[in-house]
């Protein structure tokens, strides 16, 4: 089976591990990854990334000239895409830019014009209802009408696509998995000493942006309400709410128990997670965000949850978006924005080490069976095989 995947996501080599694993599952499987030649991801890494061709036998990365260097929906590829499609003649084409992507419409059209007869698929994270005006509505209708199967990163996204009339095959799975060798339980005595963390201290962890939708102020409020308990809080990230959370911590006299680490390379994140007694993802749904075609945000998956699971760290998450489906019975879930409920979850883990241990083991088992790059590669291959047999 020849598979072609197109997305700006794979300009980062670490993000390619699932597709590398996919290419190794069966001897006749080839994976070609089309990425934009030039891309500006914005944010912290605000610089142009120029991608390079890689050929690893059955796995290759092929940069193709592109229009729009920082907008997923407007991304399209240059005429050199035609020669790539002719050369590799895929059986499966997957574009990971959502249902309204111009790049997906482009791939569908070229698939037909070149007589490739490949199955058309796309990946989407979007998990809130939306209304589209012309011409975006026409574009999505064209894409859905020519789609053989969809991978949705969450349950809500799959349900929304059903509501929009899609009746074909939908597979629910995240875009990226975890490296079980990197996100694994491992003691970190030197890092603990550096951060002033002593053996046996209960460390409440958070990894993410300090922004309202990530619920970090709810976490600070919950910790403030249980300041009579013995704990420290390790916050890994940065964002606009840093000053506000520090002011609140000072007001409640817990500032000496808050440890903030602003900048950590992704391959080092596991070291910090391994210092935590629990990881909390208190995300909160918001309708303040607006784009050209949609309004609002809620947690689309919560990748840090499965990273913590891989380290055998028990997790606590809000009920925003996909979080409850990821955690299920392997951790604790509280109503988003509910300070008292979050505080109660923390107290249970502090006072019941056996419960914390059992949840850590349950999370680890689920992560290893369902969320490693290898596990996701197998799920994706099964999805493609189902499409090819239709």
Protein backbone atom coordinates (compact mmCIF):
# COMPACT_ATOMS: atom_id res chain seq x y z
CA UNK A 1 0.00 0.00 0.00
CA UNK A 2 1.31 3.42 -0.98
CA UNK A 3 0.27 6.20 1.39
CA UNK A 4 0.72 9.94 0.85
CA UNK A 5 0.17 12.26 3.82
CA UNK A 6 0.22 16.05 3.44
CA UNK A 7 0.48 18.46 6.37
CA UNK A 8 2.56 21.30 7.79
CA UNK A 9 2.67 19.28 11.05
CA UNK A 10 5.49 17.11 9.75
CA UNK A 11 7.99 19.90 9.26
CA UNK A 12 8.99 18.85 12.82
CA UNK A 13 10.86 15.56 12.61
CA UNK A 14 9.70 14.40 16.06
CA UNK A 15 6.11 14.51 14.77
CA UNK A 16 6.94 11.96 12.05
CA UNK A 17 7.52 8.96 14.32
CA UNK A 18 4.00 7.54 13.93
CA UNK A 19 4.31 7.67 10.13
CA UNK A 20 7.77 6.11 10.27
CA UNK A 21 6.27 3.28 12.34
CA UNK A 22 3.43 2.99 9.82
CA UNK A 23 5.90 2.48 6.97
CA UNK A 24 7.46 -0.48 8.81
CA UNK A 25 4.31 -2.43 9.66
CA UNK A 26 4.09 -4.39 6.39
CA UNK A 27 6.70 -5.05 3.72
CA UNK A 28 4.64 -3.49 0.92
CA UNK A 29 3.83 -0.26 2.81
CA UNK A 30 5.36 3.03 1.66
CA UNK A 31 4.72 6.40 3.26
CA UNK A 32 5.42 9.66 1.44
CA UNK A 33 4.97 12.82 3.51
CA UNK A 34 4.36 16.05 1.60
CA UNK A 35 5.30 19.15 3.60
CA UNK A 36 5.47 22.83 2.64
CA UNK A 37 8.93 23.97 1.59
CA UNK A 38 8.68 27.10 3.71
CA UNK A 39 6.57 27.52 6.83
CA UNK A 40 6.32 30.06 9.64
CA UNK A 41 4.72 28.38 12.68
CA UNK A 42 4.52 31.68 14.58
CA UNK A 43 4.29 31.77 18.36
CA UNK A 44 7.51 31.15 20.27
CA UNK A 45 9.22 29.75 17.20
CA UNK A 46 8.57 32.82 15.07
CA UNK A 47 10.86 32.08 12.15
CA UNK A 48 10.67 30.58 8.68
CA UNK A 49 11.39 26.84 8.59
CA UNK A 50 12.80 25.52 5.33
CA UNK A 51 12.23 21.77 5.06
CA UNK A 52 14.59 19.24 3.51
CA UNK A 53 14.02 16.10 1.44
CA UNK A 54 14.56 12.83 3.32
CA UNK A 55 14.54 9.30 1.93
CA UNK A 56 14.63 6.41 4.40
CA UNK A 57 13.53 3.70 1.99
CA UNK A 58 9.84 3.06 2.65
CA UNK A 59 9.50 6.42 4.41
CA UNK A 60 10.28 9.77 2.80
CA UNK A 61 9.63 13.46 3.38
CA UNK A 62 9.12 15.52 0.23
CA UNK A 63 9.05 19.34 0.49
CA UNK A 64 6.75 20.95 -2.10
CA UNK A 65 6.49 24.65 -2.94
CA UNK A 66 3.55 26.26 -1.18
CA UNK A 67 1.27 29.29 -1.08
CA UNK A 68 0.55 30.77 2.37
CA UNK A 69 3.32 30.17 4.86
CA UNK A 70 1.42 30.35 8.13
CA UNK A 71 -2.31 29.70 7.58
CA UNK A 72 -3.44 26.08 7.64
CA UNK A 73 -6.75 26.65 5.84
CA UNK A 74 -5.18 28.67 3.03
CA UNK A 75 -2.20 26.37 2.50
CA UNK A 76 -1.95 25.09 -1.08
CA UNK A 77 0.90 23.55 -3.04
CA UNK A 78 2.73 24.52 -6.23
CA UNK A 79 2.85 22.70 -9.58
CA UNK A 80 5.68 20.44 -8.35
CA UNK A 81 3.00 18.56 -6.43
CA UNK A 82 1.89 17.07 -9.74
CA UNK A 83 5.24 15.39 -10.37
CA UNK A 84 5.24 14.03 -6.79
CA UNK A 85 1.81 12.45 -7.29
CA UNK A 86 2.80 11.02 -10.66
CA UNK A 87 6.02 9.55 -9.27
CA UNK A 88 4.62 7.88 -6.16
CA UNK A 89 1.03 7.14 -7.36
CA UNK A 90 -0.48 6.65 -3.88
CA UNK A 91 -3.35 4.34 -3.00
CA UNK A 92 -4.29 6.59 -0.06
CA UNK A 93 -4.10 10.39 0.07
CA UNK A 94 -4.53 11.98 3.50
CA UNK A 95 -4.49 15.75 4.04
CA UNK A 96 -4.30 16.81 7.68
CA UNK A 97 -5.67 20.34 7.44
CA UNK A 98 -9.39 19.81 8.20
CA UNK A 99 -12.62 19.61 6.21
CA UNK A 100 -12.44 23.14 4.76
CA UNK A 101 -8.84 22.99 3.57
CA UNK A 102 -7.93 24.28 0.13
CA UNK A 103 -5.02 21.82 0.07
CA UNK A 104 -7.47 18.95 0.44
CA UNK A 105 -9.63 20.20 -2.45
CA UNK A 106 -6.44 20.52 -4.48
CA UNK A 107 -5.45 16.91 -3.72
CA UNK A 108 -8.94 15.61 -4.54
CA UNK A 109 -8.87 17.41 -7.89
CA UNK A 110 -5.39 16.21 -8.85
CA UNK A 111 -6.24 12.67 -7.76
CA UNK A 112 -9.07 12.68 -10.31
CA UNK A 113 -7.26 14.58 -13.08
CA UNK A 114 -4.21 12.31 -12.91
CA UNK A 115 -6.32 9.14 -12.78
CA UNK A 116 -4.69 7.92 -9.55
CA UNK A 117 -7.89 6.37 -8.16
CA UNK A 118 -6.54 6.87 -4.63
CA UNK A 119 -8.84 6.97 -1.60
CA UNK A 120 -9.30 10.53 -0.29
CA UNK A 121 -9.06 11.05 3.47
CA UNK A 122 -8.46 13.93 5.83
CA UNK A 123 -7.68 14.52 9.51
CA UNK A 124 -9.43 17.12 11.67
CA UNK A 125 -9.20 18.36 15.25
CA UNK A 126 -12.20 20.72 15.11
CA UNK A 127 -14.72 19.83 17.83
CA UNK A 128 -17.25 22.69 18.05
CA UNK A 129 -20.37 23.20 15.89
CA UNK A 130 -20.01 25.85 13.18
CA UNK A 131 -21.88 27.52 10.34
CA UNK A 132 -20.28 28.33 7.00
CA UNK A 133 -21.06 31.05 4.49
CA UNK A 134 -20.37 30.89 0.77
CA UNK A 135 -17.76 30.12 -0.56
CA UNK A 136 -16.44 28.20 2.48
CA UNK A 137 -19.63 26.12 2.54
CA UNK A 138 -19.16 25.17 -1.12
CA UNK A 139 -15.55 24.17 -0.44
CA UNK A 140 -16.47 21.92 2.49
CA UNK A 141 -19.33 20.32 0.58
CA UNK A 142 -16.98 19.50 -2.30
CA UNK A 143 -14.42 18.01 0.09
CA UNK A 144 -16.94 15.89 2.01
CA UNK A 145 -18.63 14.67 -1.19
CA UNK A 146 -15.28 13.29 -2.41
CA UNK A 147 -14.10 11.84 0.92
CA UNK A 148 -13.73 8.08 1.39
CA UNK A 149 -12.86 8.23 5.10
CA UNK A 150 -11.99 10.63 7.92
CA UNK A 151 -9.75 10.51 10.96
CA UNK A 152 -11.04 12.78 13.73
CA UNK A 153 -8.83 13.62 16.68
CA UNK A 154 -11.79 13.44 19.07
CA UNK A 155 -15.32 12.12 19.60
CA UNK A 156 -16.97 15.54 19.30
CA UNK A 157 -15.33 16.15 15.93
CA UNK A 158 -16.71 12.88 14.59
CA UNK A 159 -20.20 13.74 15.82
CA UNK A 160 -20.08 17.20 14.20
CA UNK A 161 -19.11 15.67 10.84
CA UNK A 162 -22.10 13.32 11.13
CA UNK A 163 -24.33 16.31 11.82
CA UNK A 164 -22.95 17.95 8.68
CA UNK A 165 -24.11 14.98 6.64
CA UNK A 166 -21.03 12.81 6.28
CA UNK A 167 -22.04 9.13 6.30
CA UNK A 168 -18.73 7.41 5.50
CA UNK A 169 -16.11 5.80 7.73
CA UNK A 170 -14.75 7.90 10.62
CA UNK A 171 -11.87 6.75 12.82
CA UNK A 172 -11.29 8.54 16.14
CA UNK A 173 -7.62 8.76 17.11
CA UNK A 174 -5.09 11.53 17.82
CA UNK A 175 -2.75 12.89 15.17
CA UNK A 176 0.40 12.15 17.16
CA UNK A 177 1.41 9.51 19.68
CA UNK A 178 4.12 9.32 22.33
CA UNK A 179 7.59 7.82 22.25
CA UNK A 180 7.45 5.18 24.99
CA UNK A 181 11.22 5.35 25.39
CA UNK A 182 11.13 9.10 26.04
CA UNK A 183 7.93 9.34 28.09
CA UNK A 184 8.71 6.61 30.58
CA UNK A 185 8.98 6.47 34.40
CA UNK A 186 12.44 7.55 35.49
CA UNK A 187 13.71 9.13 38.70
CA UNK A 188 15.13 12.66 38.37
CA UNK A 189 17.13 13.32 41.56
CA UNK A 190 19.45 15.94 40.05
CA UNK A 191 16.61 17.95 38.51
CA UNK A 192 14.62 17.69 41.74
CA UNK A 193 17.54 19.09 43.71
CA UNK A 194 17.99 21.90 41.19
CA UNK A 195 14.32 22.91 41.59
CA UNK A 196 14.30 22.56 45.37
CA UNK A 197 12.00 19.52 45.37
CA UNK A 198 12.57 17.09 48.22
CA UNK A 199 11.93 13.35 48.23
CA UNK A 200 8.36 12.56 49.26
CA UNK A 201 6.89 16.01 48.54
CA UNK A 202 3.53 16.01 46.74
CA UNK A 203 4.08 17.86 43.47
CA UNK A 204 1.05 19.14 41.55
CA UNK A 205 2.08 19.54 37.90
CA UNK A 206 0.82 21.57 34.96
CA UNK A 207 2.25 21.67 31.44
CA UNK A 208 0.89 24.19 28.94
CA UNK A 209 0.19 27.81 28.14
CA UNK A 210 -0.73 30.25 30.90
CA UNK A 211 -3.96 31.34 29.20
CA UNK A 212 -7.62 31.36 30.34
CA UNK A 213 -8.71 28.42 28.20
CA UNK A 214 -6.14 26.14 29.83
CA UNK A 215 -7.76 26.72 33.24
CA UNK A 216 -4.58 27.60 35.09
CA UNK A 217 -6.32 30.13 37.35
CA UNK A 218 -8.77 27.43 38.43
CA UNK A 219 -5.78 25.32 39.44
CA UNK A 220 -4.26 28.20 41.45
CA UNK A 221 -7.62 28.80 43.15
CA UNK A 222 -7.91 25.10 44.02
CA UNK A 223 -4.40 25.05 45.49
CA UNK A 224 -5.12 28.21 47.45
CA UNK A 225 -8.16 26.51 49.00
CA UNK A 226 -6.03 23.61 50.30
CA UNK A 227 -2.96 25.55 51.43
CA UNK A 228 -3.18 23.74 54.77
CA UNK A 229 -2.06 20.58 52.92
CA UNK A 230 1.56 19.78 52.11
CA UNK A 231 2.19 20.32 48.39
CA UNK A 232 4.27 22.19 45.86
CA UNK A 233 3.19 23.16 42.34
CA UNK A 234 5.40 22.80 39.26
CA UNK A 235 4.19 24.90 36.33
CA UNK A 236 5.85 24.20 33.00
CA UNK A 237 5.02 26.88 30.45
CA UNK A 238 4.48 30.57 29.86
CA UNK A 239 1.74 32.97 28.88
CA UNK A 240 -0.27 36.09 29.50
CA UNK A 241 -1.58 35.00 32.92
CA UNK A 242 1.80 34.64 34.59
CA UNK A 243 1.65 37.93 36.46
CA UNK A 244 -1.98 37.39 37.48
CA UNK A 245 -1.34 33.92 38.86
CA UNK A 246 1.71 35.15 40.78
CA UNK A 247 -0.35 38.00 42.29
CA UNK A 248 -3.00 35.51 43.39
CA UNK A 249 -0.37 33.20 44.84
CA UNK A 250 1.10 36.11 46.83
CA UNK A 251 -2.37 37.12 48.04
CA UNK A 252 -2.89 33.60 49.41
CA UNK A 253 0.70 33.35 50.69
CA UNK A 254 1.53 30.30 48.58
CA UNK A 255 4.07 31.96 46.27
CA UNK A 256 6.99 30.05 47.84
CA UNK A 257 5.32 26.77 46.86
CA UNK A 258 4.98 27.65 43.15
CA UNK A 259 7.82 26.63 40.81
CA UNK A 260 7.66 28.06 37.28
CA UNK A 261 9.86 26.76 34.46
CA UNK A 262 9.16 28.77 31.34
CA UNK A 263 11.18 27.20 28.55
CA UNK A 264 11.86 23.49 28.10
CA UNK A 265 12.71 21.57 24.93
CA UNK A 266 10.10 18.93 24.10
CA UNK A 267 12.55 16.05 24.60
CA UNK A 268 13.15 17.29 28.16
CA UNK A 269 9.50 17.59 29.19
CA UNK A 270 9.38 13.96 30.39
CA UNK A 271 12.07 14.73 32.97
CA UNK A 272 9.83 17.36 34.56
CA UNK A 273 6.69 15.21 34.35
CA UNK A 274 8.57 12.52 36.26
CA UNK A 275 8.93 14.94 39.18
CA UNK A 276 5.14 15.27 39.48
CA UNK A 277 2.86 13.40 41.87
CA UNK A 278 -0.05 14.22 39.58
CA UNK A 279 -0.50 16.14 36.35
CA UNK A 280 -3.53 18.42 36.06
CA UNK A 281 -5.10 19.61 32.80
CA UNK A 282 -7.93 21.95 33.89
CA UNK A 283 -8.95 23.20 30.42
CA UNK A 284 -12.06 25.37 30.05
CA UNK A 285 -14.29 25.80 27.00
CA UNK A 286 -14.51 29.34 25.64
CA UNK A 287 -16.43 31.06 22.86
CA UNK A 288 -14.23 34.14 22.73
CA UNK A 289 -12.02 32.85 19.91
CA UNK A 290 -13.09 33.73 16.40
CA UNK A 291 -11.65 32.71 13.03
CA UNK A 292 -12.88 33.20 9.48
CA UNK A 293 -15.07 30.10 9.63
CA UNK A 294 -15.68 29.23 13.27
CA UNK A 295 -16.11 30.48 16.83
CA UNK A 296 -14.88 29.06 20.12
CA UNK A 297 -12.43 26.51 21.55
CA UNK A 298 -12.56 23.47 23.78
CA UNK A 299 -9.87 20.92 24.51
CA UNK A 300 -9.29 18.91 21.35
CA UNK A 301 -7.30 16.11 23.00
CA UNK A 302 -4.81 17.07 25.70
CA UNK A 303 -1.61 15.41 24.51
CA UNK A 304 0.18 16.08 27.80
CA UNK A 305 -2.25 13.64 29.45
CA UNK A 306 -0.89 10.67 27.52
CA UNK A 307 2.67 11.91 28.08
CA UNK A 308 2.03 11.78 31.83
CA UNK A 309 0.38 8.36 31.49
CA UNK A 310 3.54 7.12 29.78
CA UNK A 311 5.50 8.23 32.86
CA UNK A 312 3.03 6.42 35.19
CA UNK A 313 1.90 9.75 36.65
CA UNK A 314 -1.80 9.85 37.71
CA UNK A 315 -3.77 12.49 35.83
CA UNK A 316 -6.57 14.88 36.73
CA UNK A 317 -8.49 16.60 33.96
CA UNK A 318 -11.55 18.75 33.48
CA UNK A 319 -14.50 17.53 31.42
CA UNK A 320 -13.70 19.93 28.58
CA UNK A 321 -13.77 18.38 25.11
CA UNK A 322 -11.89 15.12 24.64
CA UNK A 323 -10.25 14.99 28.08
CA UNK A 324 -12.82 12.61 29.70
CA UNK A 325 -12.55 10.21 26.73
CA UNK A 326 -8.75 10.16 26.99
CA UNK A 327 -8.73 9.63 30.76
CA UNK A 328 -11.81 7.39 31.17
CA UNK A 329 -11.22 5.23 34.28
CA UNK A 330 -7.46 5.78 34.40
CA UNK A 331 -7.54 9.10 36.26
CA UNK A 332 -9.87 11.69 37.78
CA UNK A 333 -12.23 14.06 35.93
CA UNK A 334 -13.90 17.16 37.40
CA UNK A 335 -16.39 19.70 35.96
CA UNK A 336 -14.47 22.44 34.18
CA UNK A 337 -14.02 25.60 36.22
CA UNK A 338 -15.12 23.89 39.46
CA UNK A 339 -12.49 24.87 42.03
CA UNK A 340 -13.94 22.79 44.86
CA UNK A 341 -14.14 19.62 42.74
CA UNK A 342 -10.54 20.01 41.57
CA UNK A 343 -9.36 20.58 45.13
CA UNK A 344 -11.20 17.41 46.20
CA UNK A 345 -9.44 15.40 43.46
CA UNK A 346 -6.07 16.67 44.66
CA UNK A 347 -6.85 15.84 48.29
CA UNK A 348 -7.86 12.29 47.37
CA UNK A 349 -4.50 11.67 45.69
CA UNK A 350 -2.57 13.34 48.52
CA UNK A 351 -4.30 11.29 51.20
CA UNK A 352 -4.46 7.98 49.32
CA UNK A 353 -1.06 7.03 47.84
CA UNK A 354 -2.43 3.60 46.90
CA UNK A 355 -5.12 5.21 44.73
CA UNK A 356 -2.50 7.44 43.09
CA UNK A 357 -0.31 4.41 42.36
CA UNK A 358 -3.19 2.38 40.91
CA UNK A 359 -4.30 5.23 38.64
CA UNK A 360 -0.72 5.70 37.46
CA UNK A 361 -0.58 2.02 36.51
CA UNK A 362 -3.95 2.12 34.73
CA UNK A 363 -2.92 5.20 32.75
CA UNK A 364 0.38 3.60 31.78
CA UNK A 365 -1.33 0.44 30.52
CA UNK A 366 -3.75 2.48 28.40
CA UNK A 367 -1.00 4.68 26.97
CA UNK A 368 1.11 1.67 25.99
CA UNK A 369 -1.79 -0.16 24.34
CA UNK A 370 -3.44 2.79 22.61
CA UNK A 371 -1.33 5.94 22.39
CA UNK A 372 2.25 5.09 21.48
CA UNK A 373 3.35 5.93 17.94
CA UNK A 374 3.44 2.21 17.14
CA UNK A 375 -0.06 1.63 18.52
CA UNK A 376 -1.47 4.55 16.54
CA UNK A 377 0.33 3.39 13.38
CA UNK A 378 -1.45 0.03 13.65
CA UNK A 379 -4.81 1.75 14.09
CA UNK A 380 -4.16 3.96 11.07
CA UNK A 381 -3.12 1.02 8.87
CA UNK A 382 -6.29 -0.87 9.84
CA UNK A 383 -8.33 2.22 8.88
CA UNK A 384 -6.65 2.38 5.47
CA UNK A 385 -7.13 -1.34 4.90
CA UNK A 386 -10.83 -0.92 5.65
CA UNK A 387 -11.07 1.86 3.06
CA UNK A 388 -9.24 -0.19 0.44
CA UNK A 389 -11.68 -3.07 0.93
CA UNK A 390 -14.79 -0.93 0.48
